[in-house]
Amino acid sequence: MAHKTITISEEAYNLLKENKKENESFTEVIKRILTSKKKKEDLIAWLSSQKDLSDLADSVESVFDDRMNINLRF
């Protein structure tokens, strides 16, 4: 597999590091986050396209947004 070097801010690095699971590479965490975001967007788009489900789509999107803003303290 080819490798690329990218430059990111220290803030972005710290966010990646916070989301990194034990024994997970940075490549794996990036792929996991981007894949789950795509699934979320696909779900919301599908719900929005269905008759009588636009309210549900709005609620699901709100829940996803709320989850992104939760700060857990250990």
PDB file of N, CA and C in Angstrom:
ATOM      1  N   MET A   1       0.848  -1.171   0.000  1.00  0.00           N
ATOM      2  CA  MET A   1       0.000   0.000   0.000  1.00  0.00           C
ATOM      3  C   MET A   1       0.896   1.236   0.000  1.00  0.00           C
ATOM      4  N   ALA A   2       0.535   2.190  -0.850  1.00  0.00           N
ATOM      5  CA  ALA A   2       1.285   3.441  -0.912  1.00  0.00           C
ATOM      6  C   ALA A   2       0.976   4.286   0.316  1.00  0.00           C
ATOM      7  N   HIS A   3       1.921   5.108   0.694  1.00  0.00           N
ATOM      8  CA  HIS A   3       1.740   5.991   1.837  1.00  0.00           C
ATOM      9  C   HIS A   3       1.910   7.430   1.387  1.00  0.00           C
ATOM     10  N   LYS A   4       1.158   8.321   1.987  1.00  0.00           N
ATOM     11  CA  LYS A   4       1.246   9.754   1.730  1.00  0.00           C
ATOM     12  C   LYS A   4       1.477  10.464   3.048  1.00  0.00           C
ATOM     13  N   THR A   5       2.215  11.534   2.996  1.00  0.00           N
ATOM     14  CA  THR A   5       2.437  12.365   4.173  1.00  0.00           C
ATOM     15  C   THR A   5       1.556  13.600   4.045  1.00  0.00           C
ATOM     16  N   ILE A   6       0.811  13.898   5.116  1.00  0.00           N
ATOM     17  CA  ILE A   6      -0.030  15.087   5.122  1.00  0.00           C
ATOM     18  C   ILE A   6       0.353  15.955   6.317  1.00  0.00           C
ATOM     19  N   THR A   7       0.072  17.233   6.204  1.00  0.00           N
ATOM     20  CA  THR A   7       0.306  18.160   7.302  1.00  0.00           C
ATOM     21  C   THR A   7      -1.042  18.576   7.860  1.00  0.00           C
ATOM     22  N   ILE A   8      -1.197  18.416   9.176  1.00  0.00           N
ATOM     23  CA  ILE A   8      -2.429  18.830   9.839  1.00  0.00           C
ATOM     24  C   ILE A   8      -2.064  19.694  11.033  1.00  0.00           C
ATOM     25  N   SER A   9      -3.029  20.455  11.496  1.00  0.00           N
ATOM     26  CA  SER A   9      -2.782  21.307  12.652  1.00  0.00           C
ATOM     27  C   SER A   9      -2.650  20.443  13.904  1.00  0.00           C
ATOM     28  N   GLU A  10      -2.070  21.017  14.924  1.00  0.00           N
ATOM     29  CA  GLU A  10      -1.954  20.297  16.192  1.00  0.00           C
ATOM     30  C   GLU A  10      -3.336  19.996  16.764  1.00  0.00           C
ATOM     31  N   GLU A  11      -4.275  20.922  16.563  1.00  0.00           N
ATOM     32  CA  GLU A  11      -5.645  20.706  17.029  1.00  0.00           C
ATOM     33  C   GLU A  11      -6.268  19.486  16.336  1.00  0.00           C
ATOM     34  N   ALA A  12      -6.085  19.376  15.013  1.00  0.00           N
ATOM     35  CA  ALA A  12      -6.617  18.231  14.273  1.00  0.00           C
ATOM     36  C   ALA A  12      -5.948  16.940  14.738  1.00  0.00           C
ATOM     37  N   TYR A  13      -4.640  16.977  14.952  1.00  0.00           N
ATOM     38  CA  TYR A  13      -3.919  15.811  15.452  1.00  0.00           C
ATOM     39  C   TYR A  13      -4.475  15.370  16.807  1.00  0.00           C
ATOM     40  N   ASN A  14      -4.696  16.329  17.695  1.00  0.00           N
ATOM     41  CA  ASN A  14      -5.213  15.993  19.023  1.00  0.00           C
ATOM     42  C   ASN A  14      -6.614  15.393  18.948  1.00  0.00           C
ATOM     43  N   LEU A  15      -7.449  15.904  18.039  1.00  0.00           N
ATOM     44  CA  LEU A  15      -8.783  15.340  17.857  1.00  0.00           C
ATOM     45  C   LEU A  15      -8.706  13.903  17.350  1.00  0.00           C
ATOM     46  N   LEU A  16      -7.811  13.667  16.398  1.00  0.00           N
ATOM     47  CA  LEU A  16      -7.624  12.293  15.915  1.00  0.00           C
ATOM     48  C   LEU A  16      -7.136  11.385  17.037  1.00  0.00           C
ATOM     49  N   LYS A  17      -6.175  11.884  17.795  1.00  0.00           N
ATOM     50  CA  LYS A  17      -5.613  11.097  18.897  1.00  0.00           C
ATOM     51  C   LYS A  17      -6.679  10.763  19.933  1.00  0.00           C
ATOM     52  N   GLU A  18      -7.576  11.715  20.234  1.00  0.00           N
ATOM     53  CA  GLU A  18      -8.654  11.483  21.195  1.00  0.00           C
ATOM     54  C   GLU A  18      -9.637  10.421  20.706  1.00  0.00           C
ATOM     55  N   ASN A  19      -9.819  10.342  19.385  1.00  0.00           N
ATOM     56  CA  ASN A  19     -10.766   9.395  18.809  1.00  0.00           C
ATOM     57  C   ASN A  19     -10.145   8.052  18.471  1.00  0.00           C
ATOM     58  N   LYS A  20      -8.843   7.935  18.645  1.00  0.00           N
ATOM     59  CA  LYS A  20      -8.106   6.720  18.316  1.00  0.00           C
ATOM     60  C   LYS A  20      -8.323   5.669  19.402  1.00  0.00           C
ATOM     61  N   LYS A  21      -8.730   4.478  18.973  1.00  0.00           N
ATOM     62  CA  LYS A  21      -8.912   3.381  19.913  1.00  0.00           C
ATOM     63  C   LYS A  21      -7.572   2.682  20.146  1.00  0.00           C
ATOM     64  N   GLU A  22      -7.512   1.908  21.215  1.00  0.00           N
ATOM     65  CA  GLU A  22      -6.290   1.158  21.520  1.00  0.00           C
ATOM     66  C   GLU A  22      -5.955   0.239  20.344  1.00  0.00           C
ATOM     67  N   ASN A  23      -4.705   0.216  19.968  1.00  0.00           N
ATOM     68  CA  ASN A  23      -4.199  -0.620  18.865  1.00  0.00           C
ATOM     69  C   ASN A  23      -4.779  -0.233  17.500  1.00  0.00           C
ATOM     70  N   GLU A  24      -5.257   0.989  17.353  1.00  0.00           N
ATOM     71  CA  GLU A  24      -5.791   1.457  16.082  1.00  0.00           C
ATOM     72  C   GLU A  24      -4.807   2.468  15.497  1.00  0.00           C
ATOM     73  N   SER A  25      -4.509   2.333  14.225  1.00  0.00           N
ATOM     74  CA  SER A  25      -3.617   3.293  13.576  1.00  0.00           C
ATOM     75  C   SER A  25      -4.393   4.564  13.235  1.00  0.00           C
ATOM     76  N   PHE A  26      -3.664   5.631  12.947  1.00  0.00           N
ATOM     77  CA  PHE A  26      -4.324   6.869  12.546  1.00  0.00           C
ATOM     78  C   PHE A  26      -5.073   6.663  11.223  1.00  0.00           C
ATOM     79  N   THR A  27      -4.522   5.858  10.327  1.00  0.00           N
ATOM     80  CA  THR A  27      -5.227   5.531   9.084  1.00  0.00           C
ATOM     81  C   THR A  27      -6.563   4.880   9.386  1.00  0.00           C
ATOM     82  N   GLU A  28      -6.568   3.940  10.309  1.00  0.00           N
ATOM     83  CA  GLU A  28      -7.806   3.242  10.662  1.00  0.00           C
ATOM     84  C   GLU A  28      -8.830   4.177  11.299  1.00  0.00           C
ATOM     85  N   VAL A  29      -8.379   5.079  12.164  1.00  0.00           N
ATOM     86  CA  VAL A  29      -9.326   6.001  12.803  1.00  0.00           C
ATOM     87  C   VAL A  29      -9.924   6.960  11.771  1.00  0.00           C
ATOM     88  N   ILE A  30      -9.133   7.441  10.839  1.00  0.00           N
ATOM     89  CA  ILE A  30      -9.639   8.330   9.792  1.00  0.00           C
ATOM     90  C   ILE A  30     -10.669   7.595   8.940  1.00  0.00           C
ATOM     91  N   LYS A  31     -10.346   6.371   8.536  1.00  0.00           N
ATOM     92  CA  LYS A  31     -11.283   5.598   7.726  1.00  0.00           C
ATOM     93  C   LYS A  31     -12.573   5.300   8.489  1.00  0.00           C
ATOM     94  N   ARG A  32     -12.467   4.982   9.774  1.00  0.00           N
ATOM     95  CA  ARG A  32     -13.647   4.684  10.585  1.00  0.00           C
ATOM     96  C   ARG A  32     -14.547   5.905  10.696  1.00  0.00           C
ATOM     97  N   ILE A  33     -13.955   7.053  10.985  1.00  0.00           N
ATOM     98  CA  ILE A  33     -14.737   8.273  11.151  1.00  0.00           C
ATOM     99  C   ILE A  33     -15.386   8.683   9.833  1.00  0.00           C
ATOM    100  N   LEU A  34     -14.635   8.658   8.757  1.00  0.00           N
ATOM    101  CA  LEU A  34     -15.194   9.074   7.468  1.00  0.00           C
ATOM    102  C   LEU A  34     -16.255   8.103   6.978  1.00  0.00           C
ATOM    103  N   THR A  35     -16.076   6.829   7.221  1.00  0.00           N
ATOM    104  CA  THR A  35     -17.069   5.836   6.807  1.00  0.00           C
ATOM    105  C   THR A  35     -18.356   6.014   7.595  1.00  0.00           C
ATOM    106  N   SER A  36     -18.250   6.233   8.898  1.00  0.00           N
ATOM    107  CA  SER A  36     -19.463   6.395   9.702  1.00  0.00           C
ATOM    108  C   SER A  36     -20.185   7.688   9.328  1.00  0.00           C
ATOM    109  N   LYS A  37     -19.441   8.723   8.972  1.00  0.00           N
ATOM    110  CA  LYS A  37     -20.073   9.980   8.556  1.00  0.00           C
ATOM    111  C   LYS A  37     -20.844   9.768   7.257  1.00  0.00           C
ATOM    112  N   LYS A  38     -20.271   9.016   6.331  1.00  0.00           N
ATOM    113  CA  LYS A  38     -20.944   8.729   5.059  1.00  0.00           C
ATOM    114  C   LYS A  38     -22.228   7.957   5.311  1.00  0.00           C
ATOM    115  N   LYS A  39     -22.188   6.976   6.195  1.00  0.00           N
ATOM    116  CA  LYS A  39     -23.385   6.192   6.511  1.00  0.00           C
ATOM    117  C   LYS A  39     -24.461   7.089   7.111  1.00  0.00           C
ATOM    118  N   LYS A  40     -24.059   8.005   7.983  1.00  0.00           N
ATOM    119  CA  LYS A  40     -25.014   8.940   8.595  1.00  0.00           C
ATOM    120  C   LYS A  40     -25.670   9.789   7.520  1.00  0.00           C
ATOM    121  N   GLU A  41     -24.872  10.342   6.628  1.00  0.00           N
ATOM    122  CA  GLU A  41     -25.407  11.191   5.569  1.00  0.00           C
ATOM    123  C   GLU A  41     -26.328  10.406   4.641  1.00  0.00           C
ATOM    124  N   ASP A  42     -25.952   9.148   4.335  1.00  0.00           N
ATOM    125  CA  ASP A  42     -26.796   8.306   3.487  1.00  0.00           C
ATOM    126  C   ASP A  42     -28.127   8.016   4.163  1.00  0.00           C
ATOM    127  N   LEU A  43     -28.102   7.716   5.460  1.00  0.00           N
ATOM    128  CA  LEU A  43     -29.328   7.426   6.203  1.00  0.00           C
ATOM    129  C   LEU A  43     -30.250   8.645   6.212  1.00  0.00           C
ATOM    130  N   ILE A  44     -29.700   9.800   6.519  1.00  0.00           N
ATOM    131  CA  ILE A  44     -30.514  11.018   6.584  1.00  0.00           C
ATOM    132  C   ILE A  44     -31.074  11.356   5.202  1.00  0.00           C
ATOM    133  N   ALA A  45     -30.271  11.200   4.164  1.00  0.00           N
ATOM    134  CA  ALA A  45     -30.747  11.476   2.806  1.00  0.00           C
ATOM    135  C   ALA A  45     -31.882  10.528   2.427  1.00  0.00           C
ATOM    136  N   TRP A  46     -31.739   9.242   2.770  1.00  0.00           N
ATOM    137  CA  TRP A  46     -32.793   8.278   2.446  1.00  0.00           C
ATOM    138  C   TRP A  46     -34.076   8.599   3.212  1.00  0.00           C
ATOM    139  N   LEU A  47     -33.944   8.879   4.510  1.00  0.00           N
ATOM    140  CA  LEU A  47     -35.129   9.213   5.300  1.00  0.00           C
ATOM    141  C   LEU A  47     -35.823  10.460   4.742  1.00  0.00           C
ATOM    142  N   SER A  48     -35.034  11.438   4.356  1.00  0.00           N
ATOM    143  CA  SER A  48     -35.596  12.686   3.819  1.00  0.00           C
ATOM    144  C   SER A  48     -36.337  12.453   2.513  1.00  0.00           C
ATOM    145  N   SER A  49     -35.896  11.462   1.757  1.00  0.00           N
ATOM    146  CA  SER A  49     -36.525  11.200   0.456  1.00  0.00           C
ATOM    147  C   SER A  49     -37.823  10.404   0.564  1.00  0.00           C
ATOM    148  N   GLN A  50     -38.065   9.817   1.726  1.00  0.00           N
ATOM    149  CA  GLN A  50     -39.257   8.995   1.912  1.00  0.00           C
ATOM    150  C   GLN A  50     -40.445   9.853   2.354  1.00  0.00           C
ATOM    151  N   LYS A  51     -41.583   9.559   1.762  1.00  0.00           N
ATOM    152  CA  LYS A  51     -42.807  10.285   2.103  1.00  0.00           C
ATOM    153  C   LYS A  51     -43.108  10.098   3.583  1.00  0.00           C
ATOM    154  N   ASP A  52     -43.435  11.154   4.263  1.00  0.00           N
ATOM    155  CA  ASP A  52     -43.835  11.151   5.673  1.00  0.00           C
ATOM    156  C   ASP A  52     -42.692  10.829   6.644  1.00  0.00           C
ATOM    157  N   LEU A  53     -41.441  10.815   6.192  1.00  0.00           N
ATOM    158  CA  LEU A  53     -40.337  10.527   7.106  1.00  0.00           C
ATOM    159  C   LEU A  53     -39.404  11.719   7.300  1.00  0.00           C
ATOM    160  N   SER A  54     -39.765  12.879   6.776  1.00  0.00           N
ATOM    161  CA  SER A  54     -38.869  14.030   6.896  1.00  0.00           C
ATOM    162  C   SER A  54     -38.699  14.458   8.355  1.00  0.00           C
ATOM    163  N   ASP A  55     -39.760  14.330   9.160  1.00  0.00           N
ATOM    164  CA  ASP A  55     -39.628  14.652  10.583  1.00  0.00           C
ATOM    165  C   ASP A  55     -38.660  13.697  11.272  1.00  0.00           C
ATOM    166  N   LEU A  56     -38.743  12.419  10.905  1.00  0.00           N
ATOM    167  CA  LEU A  56     -37.812  11.437  11.463  1.00  0.00           C
ATOM    168  C   LEU A  56     -36.383  11.758  11.034  1.00  0.00           C
ATOM    169  N   ALA A  57     -36.203  12.141   9.785  1.00  0.00           N
ATOM    170  CA  ALA A  57     -34.867  12.507   9.295  1.00  0.00           C
ATOM    171  C   ALA A  57     -34.300  13.668  10.106  1.00  0.00           C
ATOM    172  N   ASP A  58     -35.131  14.664  10.385  1.00  0.00           N
ATOM    173  CA  ASP A  58     -34.686  15.807  11.189  1.00  0.00           C
ATOM    174  C   ASP A  58     -34.304  15.369  12.600  1.00  0.00           C
ATOM    175  N   SER A  59     -35.092  14.479  13.175  1.00  0.00           N
ATOM    176  CA  SER A  59     -34.806  13.987  14.530  1.00  0.00           C
ATOM    177  C   SER A  59     -33.509  13.187  14.569  1.00  0.00           C
ATOM    178  N   VAL A  60     -33.302  12.327  13.580  1.00  0.00           N
ATOM    179  CA  VAL A  60     -32.078  11.518  13.515  1.00  0.00           C
ATOM    180  C   VAL A  60     -30.868  12.431  13.367  1.00  0.00           C
ATOM    181  N   GLU A  61     -30.974  13.420  12.493  1.00  0.00           N
ATOM    182  CA  GLU A  61     -29.860  14.355  12.308  1.00  0.00           C
ATOM    183  C   GLU A  61     -29.569  15.112  13.599  1.00  0.00           C
ATOM    184  N   SER A  62     -30.602  15.496  14.315  1.00  0.00           N
ATOM    185  CA  SER A  62     -30.423  16.197  15.587  1.00  0.00           C
ATOM    186  C   SER A  62     -29.709  15.327  16.610  1.00  0.00           C
ATOM    187  N   VAL A  63     -30.079  14.055  16.665  1.00  0.00           N
ATOM    188  CA  VAL A  63     -29.419  13.120  17.594  1.00  0.00           C
ATOM    189  C   VAL A  63     -27.941  12.969  17.238  1.00  0.00           C
ATOM    190  N   PHE A  64     -27.647  12.805  15.939  1.00  0.00           N
ATOM    191  CA  PHE A  64     -26.249  12.706  15.524  1.00  0.00           C
ATOM    192  C   PHE A  64     -25.474  13.962  15.909  1.00  0.00           C
ATOM    193  N   ASP A  65     -26.075  15.127  15.678  1.00  0.00           N
ATOM    194  CA  ASP A  65     -25.407  16.389  16.018  1.00  0.00           C
ATOM    195  C   ASP A  65     -25.171  16.493  17.526  1.00  0.00           C
ATOM    196  N   ASP A  66     -26.180  16.104  18.319  1.00  0.00           N
ATOM    197  CA  ASP A  66     -26.031  16.137  19.773  1.00  0.00           C
ATOM    198  C   ASP A  66     -24.905  15.213  20.228  1.00  0.00           C
ATOM    199  N   ARG A  67     -24.821  14.039  19.629  1.00  0.00           N
ATOM    200  CA  ARG A  67     -23.769  13.083  20.001  1.00  0.00           C
ATOM    201  C   ARG A  67     -22.380  13.628  19.707  1.00  0.00           C
ATOM    202  N   MET A  68     -22.267  14.426  18.640  1.00  0.00           N
ATOM    203  CA  MET A  68     -20.964  14.993  18.281  1.00  0.00           C
ATOM    204  C   MET A  68     -20.530  16.061  19.281  1.00  0.00           C
ATOM    205  N   ASN A  69     -21.482  16.645  20.002  1.00  0.00           N
ATOM    206  CA  ASN A  69     -21.184  17.737  20.924  1.00  0.00           C
ATOM    207  C   ASN A  69     -21.060  17.294  22.378  1.00  0.00           C
ATOM    208  N   ILE A  70     -21.146  16.005  22.619  1.00  0.00           N
ATOM    209  CA  ILE A  70     -21.029  15.497  23.982  1.00  0.00           C
ATOM    210  C   ILE A  70     -19.563  15.414  24.374  1.00  0.00           C
ATOM    211  N   ASN A  71     -19.237  15.948  25.536  1.00  0.00           N
ATOM    212  CA  ASN A  71     -17.879  15.857  26.067  1.00  0.00           C
ATOM    213  C   ASN A  71     -17.917  14.937  27.283  1.00  0.00           C
ATOM    214  N   LEU A  72     -17.354  13.757  27.125  1.00  0.00           N
ATOM    215  CA  LEU A  72     -17.324  12.816  28.238  1.00  0.00           C
ATOM    216  C   LEU A  72     -16.155  13.154  29.169  1.00  0.00           C
ATOM    217  N   ARG A  73     -16.399  13.017  30.423  1.00  0.00           N
ATOM    218  CA  ARG A  73     -15.325  13.257  31.424  1.00  0.00           C
ATOM    219  C   ARG A  73     -15.049  11.952  32.127  1.00  0.00           C
ATOM    220  N   PHE A  74     -13.797  11.639  32.262  1.00  0.00           N
ATOM    221  CA  PHE A  74     -13.397  10.401  32.921  1.00  0.00           C
ATOM    222  C   PHE A  74     -12.721  10.695  34.218  1.00  0.00           C
TER     223      PHE A  74
END
